[in-house]
Amino acid sequence: MIYERPSPDDPVRQGDIFRNVPRIDVSLGKVLAFDEQEGAFEARWVDLVDRSRSQPIQAAVRIMPVQGIVITQDCDALRSRDISLCEIRPFREVYPHIADMKDTPRRWIGVITQHARANYGWFYLPKDPNIGFTKRMGTEFGTVLRVARKDLESMRTEHRVARLNQDAVAHFRERLSDFFRRYPYNEWYPLTKEEFETYKTEKGPVEPYPWQK
């Protein structure tokens, strides 16, 4: 498919796919912390910060091994202290809009081509059992993981399962840049009052700007 196998000695690059990347989940409302005098106790994060400003906070956290794809640019991946990855999950979870869609070639063609152009928040990854993708997968650019570069480099031999090929990584890089440089705006703002009324009728209830009232 769109994947290739890098040599274990190849440096970490954008588009590298790793398994068993740690995803750390913390509830800020209830943290299980540790103190030499008190032992284990529960507290809110804000309270822990107030009492531990001068030293690191020791706490129990939930860590899940997940699959991830490197989003850090190649040059930074060679020297940065940390490397960022986005979590990879089954595509129907990444894009719940199609959770109940029928599994037919025609439907998937539409999603992979048309839907992908309109949705900046995810990237589609085809099924490939050779790298452990037994179903269609995807990644959400908003779900970012951080791993120390040296630690990720130590995982290259056993846990780097693949790398996007030349065509795929070029597309991945462009989609990633589109996501992070998006400018949020209401598309109807330049319409005249008359155009806005037609737009509102066809597209649904939206609020007019002062010049459209």
Protein backbone atom coordinates (compact mmCIF):
# COMPACT_ATOMS: atom_id res chain seq x y z
CA MET A 1 0.00 0.00 0.00
CA ILE A 2 1.28 3.46 0.91
CA TYR A 3 3.78 2.22 3.48
CA GLU A 4 7.44 1.27 3.39
CA ARG A 5 9.79 -0.36 5.88
CA PRO A 6 12.59 1.91 7.08
CA SER A 7 15.90 0.44 8.16
CA PRO A 8 16.27 0.26 11.97
CA ASP A 9 19.20 2.67 11.63
CA ASP A 10 17.21 5.30 9.70
CA PRO A 11 16.59 8.45 11.77
CA VAL A 12 13.08 9.23 12.95
CA ARG A 13 11.20 11.18 10.29
CA GLN A 14 7.81 12.75 9.78
CA GLY A 15 5.37 10.04 8.75
CA ASP A 16 7.02 7.26 10.79
CA ILE A 17 4.47 4.94 12.40
CA PHE A 18 5.15 3.53 15.87
CA ARG A 19 3.28 1.08 18.04
CA ASN A 20 3.21 1.14 21.86
CA VAL A 21 3.57 4.91 22.13
CA PRO A 22 2.54 6.06 25.64
CA ARG A 23 -0.62 8.14 25.87
CA ILE A 24 -0.93 9.72 29.31
CA ASP A 25 -4.40 10.57 30.59
CA VAL A 26 -4.83 12.73 33.69
CA SER A 27 -8.03 13.93 35.32
CA LEU A 28 -7.37 17.42 36.63
CA GLY A 29 -10.32 17.11 38.99
CA LYS A 30 -8.86 14.15 40.90
CA VAL A 31 -5.14 13.34 40.94
CA LEU A 32 -3.63 10.53 42.99
CA ALA A 33 -0.47 12.15 44.35
CA PHE A 34 2.31 11.03 46.66
CA ASP A 35 4.08 12.86 49.44
CA GLU A 36 6.86 11.66 51.77
CA GLN A 37 4.93 12.77 54.85
CA GLU A 38 1.34 12.08 53.77
CA GLY A 39 1.83 9.08 51.51
CA ALA A 40 -0.81 8.71 48.81
CA PHE A 41 -3.67 11.19 48.68
CA GLU A 42 -6.18 12.59 46.18
CA ALA A 43 -6.34 16.25 45.27
CA ARG A 44 -7.34 18.61 42.51
CA TRP A 45 -4.57 19.60 40.12
CA VAL A 46 -4.86 23.29 41.01
CA ASP A 47 -4.39 22.47 44.69
CA LEU A 48 -1.33 20.36 43.93
CA VAL A 49 0.19 23.21 41.95
CA ASP A 50 -0.29 25.60 44.85
CA ARG A 51 1.50 23.31 47.31
CA SER A 52 4.26 22.04 45.00
CA ARG A 53 5.52 25.05 43.09
CA SER A 54 9.16 24.41 43.99
CA GLN A 55 9.40 20.70 43.17
CA PRO A 56 8.01 18.15 40.70
CA ILE A 57 4.67 16.60 41.58
CA GLN A 58 4.70 12.84 42.10
CA ALA A 59 1.44 11.27 40.94
CA ALA A 60 -0.09 8.10 39.53
CA VAL A 61 -1.29 8.52 35.95
CA ARG A 62 -3.11 6.32 33.45
CA ILE A 63 -0.82 5.31 30.58
CA MET A 64 -2.13 3.52 27.49
CA PRO A 65 0.06 2.05 24.73
CA VAL A 66 -1.27 3.34 21.41
CA GLN A 67 -0.19 3.62 17.81
CA GLY A 68 1.12 6.98 16.65
CA ILE A 69 2.50 8.76 13.59
CA VAL A 70 5.28 11.36 13.81
CA ILE A 71 4.23 14.91 12.93
CA THR A 72 7.47 16.67 13.90
CA GLN A 73 9.36 17.89 10.81
CA ASP A 74 12.43 15.93 9.75
CA CYS A 75 14.98 18.59 10.69
CA ASP A 76 13.50 19.01 14.18
CA ALA A 77 13.22 15.25 14.67
CA LEU A 78 17.02 15.06 14.45
CA ARG A 79 17.78 17.45 17.29
CA SER A 80 14.70 18.49 19.28
CA ARG A 81 14.35 17.36 22.86
CA ASP A 82 10.85 16.02 22.20
CA ILE A 83 9.03 14.58 19.21
CA SER A 84 5.29 14.96 18.62
CA LEU A 85 3.07 12.21 17.27
CA CYS A 86 -0.65 11.96 16.57
CA GLU A 87 -2.55 8.95 17.83
CA ILE A 88 -3.73 6.40 15.25
CA ARG A 89 -7.15 4.78 15.77
CA PRO A 90 -9.71 2.84 13.71
CA PHE A 91 -10.95 5.18 11.02
CA ARG A 92 -14.63 4.81 11.90
CA GLU A 93 -13.76 6.20 15.35
CA VAL A 94 -11.65 9.01 13.92
CA TYR A 95 -14.46 9.97 11.54
CA PRO A 96 -17.67 8.94 13.36
CA HIS A 97 -19.75 10.54 10.59
CA ILE A 98 -19.38 7.25 8.71
CA ALA A 99 -19.68 4.92 11.72
CA ASP A 100 -22.70 3.14 10.23
CA MET A 101 -21.76 3.49 6.56
CA LYS A 102 -22.04 0.38 4.41
CA ASP A 103 -18.73 -1.23 3.56
CA THR A 104 -18.81 -0.89 -0.23
CA PRO A 105 -16.09 0.31 -2.66
CA ARG A 106 -18.30 3.14 -3.94
CA ARG A 107 -18.91 4.54 -0.44
CA TRP A 108 -15.24 4.30 0.51
CA ILE A 109 -14.11 6.03 -2.68
CA GLY A 110 -16.27 9.01 -1.74
CA VAL A 111 -14.87 9.17 1.79
CA ILE A 112 -11.23 8.72 0.79
CA THR A 113 -11.38 11.33 -1.98
CA GLN A 114 -14.19 13.86 -1.49
CA HIS A 115 -14.54 13.78 2.31
CA ALA A 116 -10.77 13.90 2.81
CA ARG A 117 -10.54 17.14 0.83
CA ALA A 118 -13.23 18.82 2.95
CA ASN A 119 -12.07 17.64 6.39
CA TYR A 120 -8.75 19.04 7.61
CA GLY A 121 -8.74 17.34 11.00
CA TRP A 122 -7.85 13.77 10.02
CA PHE A 123 -5.70 11.70 7.70
CA TYR A 124 -6.78 8.35 6.28
CA LEU A 125 -4.50 5.32 6.59
CA PRO A 126 -5.39 2.23 4.50
CA LYS A 127 -5.58 -1.25 5.94
CA ASP A 128 -2.36 -3.27 5.75
CA PRO A 129 -2.04 -6.42 7.91
CA ASN A 130 1.71 -6.46 7.26
CA ILE A 131 2.14 -3.52 9.63
CA GLY A 132 -0.65 -4.45 12.03
CA PHE A 133 -3.44 -2.42 10.41
CA THR A 134 -6.11 -5.12 10.21
CA LYS A 135 -8.76 -2.49 9.51
CA ARG A 136 -8.90 0.98 7.98
CA MET A 137 -7.16 3.43 10.29
CA GLY A 138 -6.75 7.17 10.63
CA THR A 139 -5.20 9.88 12.75
CA GLU A 140 -6.67 13.04 14.24
CA PHE A 141 -4.31 15.99 14.13
CA GLY A 142 -5.82 17.39 17.32
CA THR A 143 -4.73 14.38 19.40
CA VAL A 144 -1.03 15.01 19.95
CA LEU A 145 1.38 12.85 21.98
CA ARG A 146 4.84 13.90 23.17
CA VAL A 147 7.80 11.55 23.56
CA ALA A 148 11.41 12.40 24.33
CA ARG A 149 13.46 12.10 21.14
CA LYS A 150 16.03 9.77 22.68
CA ASP A 151 13.29 7.49 23.98
CA LEU A 152 11.56 7.33 20.60
CA GLU A 153 14.86 6.65 18.87
CA SER A 154 15.38 3.70 21.22
CA MET A 155 12.05 2.26 19.97
CA ARG A 156 13.02 2.28 16.29
CA THR A 157 14.07 -1.35 16.02
CA GLU A 158 11.14 -3.08 17.71
CA HIS A 159 8.32 -0.56 17.63
CA ARG A 160 8.63 1.42 14.39
CA VAL A 161 6.40 -0.62 12.08
CA ALA A 162 6.39 1.50 8.94
CA ARG A 163 6.84 4.87 7.28
CA LEU A 164 4.62 6.67 4.79
CA ASN A 165 6.04 6.41 1.28
CA GLN A 166 7.10 9.44 -0.74
CA ASP A 167 3.65 10.22 -2.19
CA ALA A 168 1.80 9.66 1.08
CA VAL A 169 4.17 11.69 3.26
CA ALA A 170 3.97 14.65 0.86
CA HIS A 171 0.18 14.56 1.17
CA PHE A 172 0.41 14.04 4.94
CA ARG A 173 2.70 17.05 5.31
CA GLU A 174 0.34 19.27 3.32
CA ARG A 175 -2.76 18.16 5.26
CA LEU A 176 -0.94 18.69 8.53
CA SER A 177 0.07 22.23 7.58
CA ASP A 178 -3.49 22.97 6.41
CA PHE A 179 -4.84 21.91 9.80
CA PHE A 180 -2.50 24.05 11.88
CA ARG A 181 -2.72 27.17 9.74
CA ARG A 182 -6.51 27.20 9.41
CA TYR A 183 -8.19 30.53 9.95
CA PRO A 184 -11.66 30.14 11.49
CA TYR A 185 -14.22 32.37 9.84
CA ASN A 186 -17.90 32.46 8.93
CA GLU A 187 -18.09 32.03 5.19
CA TRP A 188 -21.15 34.27 4.85
CA TYR A 189 -19.53 37.45 6.25
CA PRO A 190 -18.92 39.15 2.81
CA LEU A 191 -22.50 38.60 1.57
CA THR A 192 -24.87 41.48 0.95
CA LYS A 193 -28.11 41.62 2.89
CA GLU A 194 -30.01 40.05 0.00
CA GLU A 195 -27.39 37.34 -0.51
CA PHE A 196 -27.38 36.61 3.21
CA GLU A 197 -31.14 36.07 3.28
CA THR A 198 -30.84 33.52 0.48
CA TYR A 199 -27.90 31.85 2.19
CA LYS A 200 -29.77 31.61 5.50
CA THR A 201 -32.77 30.03 3.77
CA GLU A 202 -30.64 27.40 2.04
CA LYS A 203 -27.98 26.69 4.67
CA GLY A 204 -29.90 26.96 7.91
CA PRO A 205 -30.15 29.43 10.82
CA VAL A 206 -27.07 31.65 11.01
CA GLU A 207 -26.55 35.04 12.62
CA PRO A 208 -26.15 38.07 10.34
CA TYR A 209 -23.38 40.63 10.63
CA PRO A 210 -24.41 44.28 11.27
CA TRP A 211 -24.14 45.14 7.58
CA GLN A 212 -26.50 42.27 6.69
CA LYS A 213 -29.38 43.37 8.92
